[in-house]
């Protein structure tokens, strides 16, 4: 598991170097999840000085409403935004958290990594 965690960590660095934030964040989260099963083992390959971009306040607000089961149209009406703006904020949140769907968003928000 430790080798898998280190491999995922290396993948995160490689994705980061080429500018693929979504894949880098997903690989970093995978590395963290694998590393937690290694009973506190820490190696230089698992050290990450860069933290994924946090969600903006609006990204977080829209993501939380989406997690409550609200449709994009309902979120747009509630916040006086267009549906396209809501979709854009959800896409920003997906990219920053390394996920591709509302289901992935729920996992990312629930996990500590």
C-alpha atoms as a PDB file:
ATOM      1  CA  UNK A   1       0.000   0.000   0.000  1.00  0.00           C
ATOM      2  CA  UNK A   2       2.877   2.331   0.767  1.00  0.00           C
ATOM      3  CA  UNK A   3       4.301   1.841  -2.728  1.00  0.00           C
ATOM      4  CA  UNK A   4       0.890   2.526  -4.234  1.00  0.00           C
ATOM      5  CA  UNK A   5       0.613   5.702  -2.140  1.00  0.00           C
ATOM      6  CA  UNK A   6       4.032   6.829  -3.345  1.00  0.00           C
ATOM      7  CA  UNK A   7       3.112   6.048  -6.961  1.00  0.00           C
ATOM      8  CA  UNK A   8      -0.080   8.093  -6.671  1.00  0.00           C
ATOM      9  CA  UNK A   9       1.963  10.887  -5.105  1.00  0.00           C
ATOM     10  CA  UNK A  10       4.359  10.828  -8.042  1.00  0.00           C
ATOM     11  CA  UNK A  11       1.439  10.898 -10.447  1.00  0.00           C
ATOM     12  CA  UNK A  12       0.049  13.946  -8.648  1.00  0.00           C
ATOM     13  CA  UNK A  13       3.355  15.759  -9.102  1.00  0.00           C
ATOM     14  CA  UNK A  14       3.506  14.810 -12.786  1.00  0.00           C
ATOM     15  CA  UNK A  15      -0.046  15.966 -13.430  1.00  0.00           C
ATOM     16  CA  UNK A  16       0.682  19.181 -11.579  1.00  0.00           C
ATOM     17  CA  UNK A  17       3.748  19.870 -13.714  1.00  0.00           C
ATOM     18  CA  UNK A  18       1.721  19.617 -16.924  1.00  0.00           C
ATOM     19  CA  UNK A  19      -1.085  21.775 -15.506  1.00  0.00           C
ATOM     20  CA  UNK A  20      -3.788  19.128 -15.076  1.00  0.00           C
ATOM     21  CA  UNK A  21      -5.194  20.264 -11.714  1.00  0.00           C
ATOM     22  CA  UNK A  22      -8.139  17.889 -11.675  1.00  0.00           C
ATOM     23  CA  UNK A  23      -5.994  14.788 -12.212  1.00  0.00           C
ATOM     24  CA  UNK A  24      -3.329  16.090  -9.810  1.00  0.00           C
ATOM     25  CA  UNK A  25      -5.859  16.645  -7.048  1.00  0.00           C
ATOM     26  CA  UNK A  26      -7.474  13.254  -7.637  1.00  0.00           C
ATOM     27  CA  UNK A  27      -4.080  11.507  -7.510  1.00  0.00           C
ATOM     28  CA  UNK A  28      -3.127  13.432  -4.366  1.00  0.00           C
ATOM     29  CA  UNK A  29      -6.373  12.395  -2.675  1.00  0.00           C
ATOM     30  CA  UNK A  30      -5.790   8.782  -3.739  1.00  0.00           C
ATOM     31  CA  UNK A  31      -2.265   8.949  -2.322  1.00  0.00           C
ATOM     32  CA  UNK A  32      -3.565  10.286   0.984  1.00  0.00           C
ATOM     33  CA  UNK A  33      -6.214   7.591   1.228  1.00  0.00           C
ATOM     34  CA  UNK A  34      -3.656   4.860   0.551  1.00  0.00           C
ATOM     35  CA  UNK A  35      -1.156   6.373   2.990  1.00  0.00           C
ATOM     36  CA  UNK A  36      -3.686   6.359   5.829  1.00  0.00           C
ATOM     37  CA  UNK A  37      -3.868   2.581   5.571  1.00  0.00           C
ATOM     38  CA  UNK A  38      -0.109   2.401   6.197  1.00  0.00           C
ATOM     39  CA  UNK A  39      -0.316   3.071   9.939  1.00  0.00           C
ATOM     40  CA  UNK A  40       1.332   6.482   9.926  1.00  0.00           C
ATOM     41  CA  UNK A  41       4.206   5.638   7.592  1.00  0.00           C
ATOM     42  CA  UNK A  42       5.775   8.749   6.104  1.00  0.00           C
ATOM     43  CA  UNK A  43       8.312   8.893   3.319  1.00  0.00           C
ATOM     44  CA  UNK A  44       9.743  11.819   1.360  1.00  0.00           C
ATOM     45  CA  UNK A  45       7.675  10.733  -1.651  1.00  0.00           C
ATOM     46  CA  UNK A  46       4.496  11.372   0.330  1.00  0.00           C
ATOM     47  CA  UNK A  47       5.392  14.946   1.302  1.00  0.00           C
ATOM     48  CA  UNK A  48       3.341  17.558  -0.577  1.00  0.00           C
ATOM     49  CA  UNK A  49       4.046  21.207   0.155  1.00  0.00           C
ATOM     50  CA  UNK A  50       1.331  22.353  -2.257  1.00  0.00           C
ATOM     51  CA  UNK A  51      -2.250  22.165  -1.025  1.00  0.00           C
ATOM     52  CA  UNK A  52      -5.068  21.944  -3.578  1.00  0.00           C
ATOM     53  CA  UNK A  53      -6.845  25.216  -4.307  1.00  0.00           C
ATOM     54  CA  UNK A  54      -9.616  25.822  -1.797  1.00  0.00           C
ATOM     55  CA  UNK A  55     -13.100  26.476  -3.067  1.00  0.00           C
ATOM     56  CA  UNK A  56     -14.207  30.078  -3.353  1.00  0.00           C
ATOM     57  CA  UNK A  57     -17.083  31.079  -1.102  1.00  0.00           C
ATOM     58  CA  UNK A  58     -19.543  30.961  -4.023  1.00  0.00           C
ATOM     59  CA  UNK A  59     -18.180  27.595  -5.268  1.00  0.00           C
ATOM     60  CA  UNK A  60     -18.637  26.194  -1.759  1.00  0.00           C
ATOM     61  CA  UNK A  61     -22.149  27.663  -1.400  1.00  0.00           C
ATOM     62  CA  UNK A  62     -23.296  26.152  -4.688  1.00  0.00           C
ATOM     63  CA  UNK A  63     -21.586  22.825  -3.977  1.00  0.00           C
ATOM     64  CA  UNK A  64     -23.322  22.548  -0.608  1.00  0.00           C
ATOM     65  CA  UNK A  65     -26.718  23.224  -2.190  1.00  0.00           C
ATOM     66  CA  UNK A  66     -25.984  20.617  -4.865  1.00  0.00           C
ATOM     67  CA  UNK A  67     -25.060  18.124  -2.153  1.00  0.00           C
ATOM     68  CA  UNK A  68     -28.431  18.728  -0.515  1.00  0.00           C
ATOM     69  CA  UNK A  69     -29.994  17.390  -3.722  1.00  0.00           C
ATOM     70  CA  UNK A  70     -30.986  20.671  -5.335  1.00  0.00           C
ATOM     71  CA  UNK A  71     -31.035  20.787  -9.125  1.00  0.00           C
ATOM     72  CA  UNK A  72     -28.935  23.430 -10.859  1.00  0.00           C
ATOM     73  CA  UNK A  73     -32.103  25.240 -11.948  1.00  0.00           C
ATOM     74  CA  UNK A  74     -33.333  25.420  -8.336  1.00  0.00           C
ATOM     75  CA  UNK A  75     -29.939  26.637  -7.113  1.00  0.00           C
ATOM     76  CA  UNK A  76     -29.948  29.314  -9.808  1.00  0.00           C
ATOM     77  CA  UNK A  77     -33.393  30.529  -8.802  1.00  0.00           C
ATOM     78  CA  UNK A  78     -32.520  30.565  -5.106  1.00  0.00           C
ATOM     79  CA  UNK A  79     -29.292  32.544  -5.620  1.00  0.00           C
ATOM     80  CA  UNK A  80     -30.586  34.756  -8.465  1.00  0.00           C
ATOM     81  CA  UNK A  81     -28.035  33.356 -10.927  1.00  0.00           C
ATOM     82  CA  UNK A  82     -28.265  31.793 -14.346  1.00  0.00           C
ATOM     83  CA  UNK A  83     -28.175  28.002 -14.635  1.00  0.00           C
ATOM     84  CA  UNK A  84     -24.987  28.379 -16.661  1.00  0.00           C
ATOM     85  CA  UNK A  85     -23.316  30.306 -13.820  1.00  0.00           C
ATOM     86  CA  UNK A  86     -24.288  27.562 -11.384  1.00  0.00           C
ATOM     87  CA  UNK A  87     -22.850  24.954 -13.766  1.00  0.00           C
ATOM     88  CA  UNK A  88     -19.631  26.947 -14.076  1.00  0.00           C
ATOM     89  CA  UNK A  89     -19.229  27.138 -10.291  1.00  0.00           C
ATOM     90  CA  UNK A  90     -19.856  23.392  -9.988  1.00  0.00           C
ATOM     91  CA  UNK A  91     -17.229  22.727 -12.656  1.00  0.00           C
ATOM     92  CA  UNK A  92     -14.740  24.918 -10.765  1.00  0.00           C
ATOM     93  CA  UNK A  93     -15.457  22.951  -7.594  1.00  0.00           C
ATOM     94  CA  UNK A  94     -15.054  19.634  -9.444  1.00  0.00           C
ATOM     95  CA  UNK A  95     -11.708  20.737 -10.869  1.00  0.00           C
ATOM     96  CA  UNK A  96     -10.390  22.034  -7.553  1.00  0.00           C
ATOM     97  CA  UNK A  97     -11.433  18.857  -5.734  1.00  0.00           C
ATOM     98  CA  UNK A  98     -10.344  16.447  -8.463  1.00  0.00           C
ATOM     99  CA  UNK A  99     -13.783  14.975  -9.149  1.00  0.00           C
ATOM    100  CA  UNK A 100     -16.087  14.805 -12.165  1.00  0.00           C
ATOM    101  CA  UNK A 101     -19.608  14.538 -10.758  1.00  0.00           C
ATOM    102  CA  UNK A 102     -21.941  15.354  -7.888  1.00  0.00           C
ATOM    103  CA  UNK A 103     -21.316  11.869  -6.492  1.00  0.00           C
ATOM    104  CA  UNK A 104     -17.569  12.560  -6.530  1.00  0.00           C
ATOM    105  CA  UNK A 105     -18.232  15.917  -4.937  1.00  0.00           C
ATOM    106  CA  UNK A 106     -20.004  14.211  -2.045  1.00  0.00           C
ATOM    107  CA  UNK A 107     -17.028  11.885  -1.530  1.00  0.00           C
ATOM    108  CA  UNK A 108     -14.514  14.744  -1.711  1.00  0.00           C
ATOM    109  CA  UNK A 109     -16.392  16.840   0.829  1.00  0.00           C
ATOM    110  CA  UNK A 110     -16.793  13.852   3.163  1.00  0.00           C
ATOM    111  CA  UNK A 111     -13.142  12.749   3.026  1.00  0.00           C
ATOM    112  CA  UNK A 112     -10.412  14.468   5.086  1.00  0.00           C
ATOM    113  CA  UNK A 113      -7.816  14.358   2.263  1.00  0.00           C
END
